[in-house]
Amino acid sequence: MSRRLFEEIVTRTGLAPIIGPGTVQRALHAVGITSPEHAQTHDYLRALPELRVRMAIYLDPAAVEQRLRQIEAHLKHVSGA
């Protein structure tokens, strides 16, 4: 599930396939998760502020906020919250 969740989050960032995976990995690493295979939904939720900063390099602010809302909603859905 963890690899699939990682890929789902990467897709929802809206970033190019060459940029998205590294961006998400760096956001996870910033909150202490060294491998996406070990990341759980709560780890991604903790990493959202880090992901916001990194996505802002590539996307306009409105797109970043829209994508983050989609990511957060997906994470809550997956976790059953």
C-alpha atoms as a PDB file:
ATOM      1  CA  MET A   1       0.000   0.000   0.000  1.00  0.00           C
ATOM      2  CA  SER A   2       2.767   2.465   0.828  1.00  0.00           C
ATOM      3  CA  ARG A   3       4.247   2.512  -2.687  1.00  0.00           C
ATOM      4  CA  ARG A   4       0.793   2.892  -4.173  1.00  0.00           C
ATOM      5  CA  LEU A   5      -0.023   5.702  -1.753  1.00  0.00           C
ATOM      6  CA  PHE A   6       3.232   7.431  -2.680  1.00  0.00           C
ATOM      7  CA  GLU A   7       2.350   7.241  -6.371  1.00  0.00           C
ATOM      8  CA  GLU A   8      -1.164   8.550  -5.698  1.00  0.00           C
ATOM      9  CA  ILE A   9       0.236  11.534  -3.801  1.00  0.00           C
ATOM     10  CA  VAL A  10       2.807  12.234  -6.501  1.00  0.00           C
ATOM     11  CA  THR A  11       0.063  12.222  -9.133  1.00  0.00           C
ATOM     12  CA  ARG A  12      -2.097  14.568  -7.087  1.00  0.00           C
ATOM     13  CA  THR A  13       0.714  17.134  -6.797  1.00  0.00           C
ATOM     14  CA  GLY A  14       0.245  17.893 -10.477  1.00  0.00           C
ATOM     15  CA  LEU A  15       4.000  18.102 -10.901  1.00  0.00           C
ATOM     16  CA  ALA A  16       5.817  16.668 -13.900  1.00  0.00           C
ATOM     17  CA  PRO A  17       6.744  12.985 -13.531  1.00  0.00           C
ATOM     18  CA  ILE A  18      10.416  13.872 -13.411  1.00  0.00           C
ATOM     19  CA  ILE A  19       9.885  16.372 -10.559  1.00  0.00           C
ATOM     20  CA  GLY A  20       7.004  14.991  -8.507  1.00  0.00           C
ATOM     21  CA  PRO A  21       8.578  11.899  -6.910  1.00  0.00           C
ATOM     22  CA  GLY A  22      11.646  13.735  -5.645  1.00  0.00           C
ATOM     23  CA  THR A  23       9.535  16.589  -4.356  1.00  0.00           C
ATOM     24  CA  VAL A  24       7.341  14.261  -2.314  1.00  0.00           C
ATOM     25  CA  GLN A  25      10.349  12.260  -1.088  1.00  0.00           C
ATOM     26  CA  ARG A  26      12.085  15.432   0.138  1.00  0.00           C
ATOM     27  CA  ALA A  27       8.928  16.571   1.948  1.00  0.00           C
ATOM     28  CA  LEU A  28       8.691  13.196   3.676  1.00  0.00           C
ATOM     29  CA  HIS A  29      12.380  13.244   4.530  1.00  0.00           C
ATOM     30  CA  ALA A  30      11.940  16.655   6.162  1.00  0.00           C
ATOM     31  CA  VAL A  31       9.554  15.051   8.677  1.00  0.00           C
ATOM     32  CA  GLY A  32      11.811  12.084   9.344  1.00  0.00           C
ATOM     33  CA  ILE A  33      10.579   9.534   6.811  1.00  0.00           C
ATOM     34  CA  THR A  34      13.587   8.300   4.870  1.00  0.00           C
ATOM     35  CA  SER A  35      11.743   5.942   2.526  1.00  0.00           C
ATOM     36  CA  PRO A  36       8.314   6.316   0.901  1.00  0.00           C
ATOM     37  CA  GLU A  37       7.807   2.578   1.413  1.00  0.00           C
ATOM     38  CA  HIS A  38       7.563   3.236   5.154  1.00  0.00           C
ATOM     39  CA  ALA A  39       5.281   6.284   4.935  1.00  0.00           C
ATOM     40  CA  GLN A  40       1.776   6.074   6.341  1.00  0.00           C
ATOM     41  CA  THR A  41      -1.117   8.462   5.800  1.00  0.00           C
ATOM     42  CA  HIS A  42      -0.317  10.378   9.011  1.00  0.00           C
ATOM     43  CA  ASP A  43       3.254  10.895   7.754  1.00  0.00           C
ATOM     44  CA  TYR A  44       1.983  12.486   4.560  1.00  0.00           C
ATOM     45  CA  LEU A  45      -0.352  14.697   6.574  1.00  0.00           C
ATOM     46  CA  ARG A  46       2.595  15.854   8.702  1.00  0.00           C
ATOM     47  CA  ALA A  47       4.580  16.491   5.519  1.00  0.00           C
ATOM     48  CA  LEU A  48       1.940  18.728   3.894  1.00  0.00           C
ATOM     49  CA  PRO A  49       3.560  22.011   5.032  1.00  0.00           C
ATOM     50  CA  GLU A  50       6.892  20.825   3.622  1.00  0.00           C
ATOM     51  CA  LEU A  51       5.190  19.734   0.425  1.00  0.00           C
ATOM     52  CA  ARG A  52       3.499  23.131   0.146  1.00  0.00           C
ATOM     53  CA  VAL A  53       6.861  24.912   0.179  1.00  0.00           C
ATOM     54  CA  ARG A  54       8.327  22.582  -2.414  1.00  0.00           C
ATOM     55  CA  MET A  55       5.312  22.663  -4.742  1.00  0.00           C
ATOM     56  CA  ALA A  56       5.325  26.474  -4.625  1.00  0.00           C
ATOM     57  CA  ILE A  57       8.587  26.432  -6.555  1.00  0.00           C
ATOM     58  CA  TYR A  58       6.783  24.953  -9.569  1.00  0.00           C
ATOM     59  CA  LEU A  59       3.117  25.948  -9.273  1.00  0.00           C
ATOM     60  CA  ASP A  60       1.235  29.173  -8.689  1.00  0.00           C
ATOM     61  CA  PRO A  61      -0.220  29.667  -5.181  1.00  0.00           C
ATOM     62  CA  ALA A  62      -3.807  28.881  -6.162  1.00  0.00           C
ATOM     63  CA  ALA A  63      -2.767  25.604  -7.806  1.00  0.00           C
ATOM     64  CA  VAL A  64      -0.687  24.646  -4.771  1.00  0.00           C
ATOM     65  CA  GLU A  65      -3.607  25.183  -2.406  1.00  0.00           C
ATOM     66  CA  GLN A  66      -6.034  23.329  -4.660  1.00  0.00           C
ATOM     67  CA  ARG A  67      -3.677  20.363  -5.013  1.00  0.00           C
ATOM     68  CA  LEU A  68      -2.967  20.256  -1.276  1.00  0.00           C
ATOM     69  CA  ARG A  69      -6.685  20.209  -0.486  1.00  0.00           C
ATOM     70  CA  GLN A  70      -7.078  17.277  -2.872  1.00  0.00           C
ATOM     71  CA  ILE A  71      -4.128  15.465  -1.309  1.00  0.00           C
ATOM     72  CA  GLU A  72      -5.422  16.061   2.210  1.00  0.00           C
ATOM     73  CA  ALA A  73      -8.921  14.857   1.287  1.00  0.00           C
ATOM     74  CA  HIS A  74      -7.473  11.737  -0.325  1.00  0.00           C
ATOM     75  CA  LEU A  75      -5.320  10.987   2.725  1.00  0.00           C
ATOM     76  CA  LYS A  76      -8.285  11.363   5.051  1.00  0.00           C
ATOM     77  CA  HIS A  77     -10.369   9.134   2.809  1.00  0.00           C
ATOM     78  CA  VAL A  78      -7.679   6.445   2.672  1.00  0.00           C
ATOM     79  CA  SER A  79      -7.171   6.545   6.443  1.00  0.00           C
ATOM     80  CA  GLY A  80     -10.923   6.421   7.110  1.00  0.00           C
ATOM     81  CA  ALA A  81     -10.885   9.703   9.002  1.00  0.00           C
END
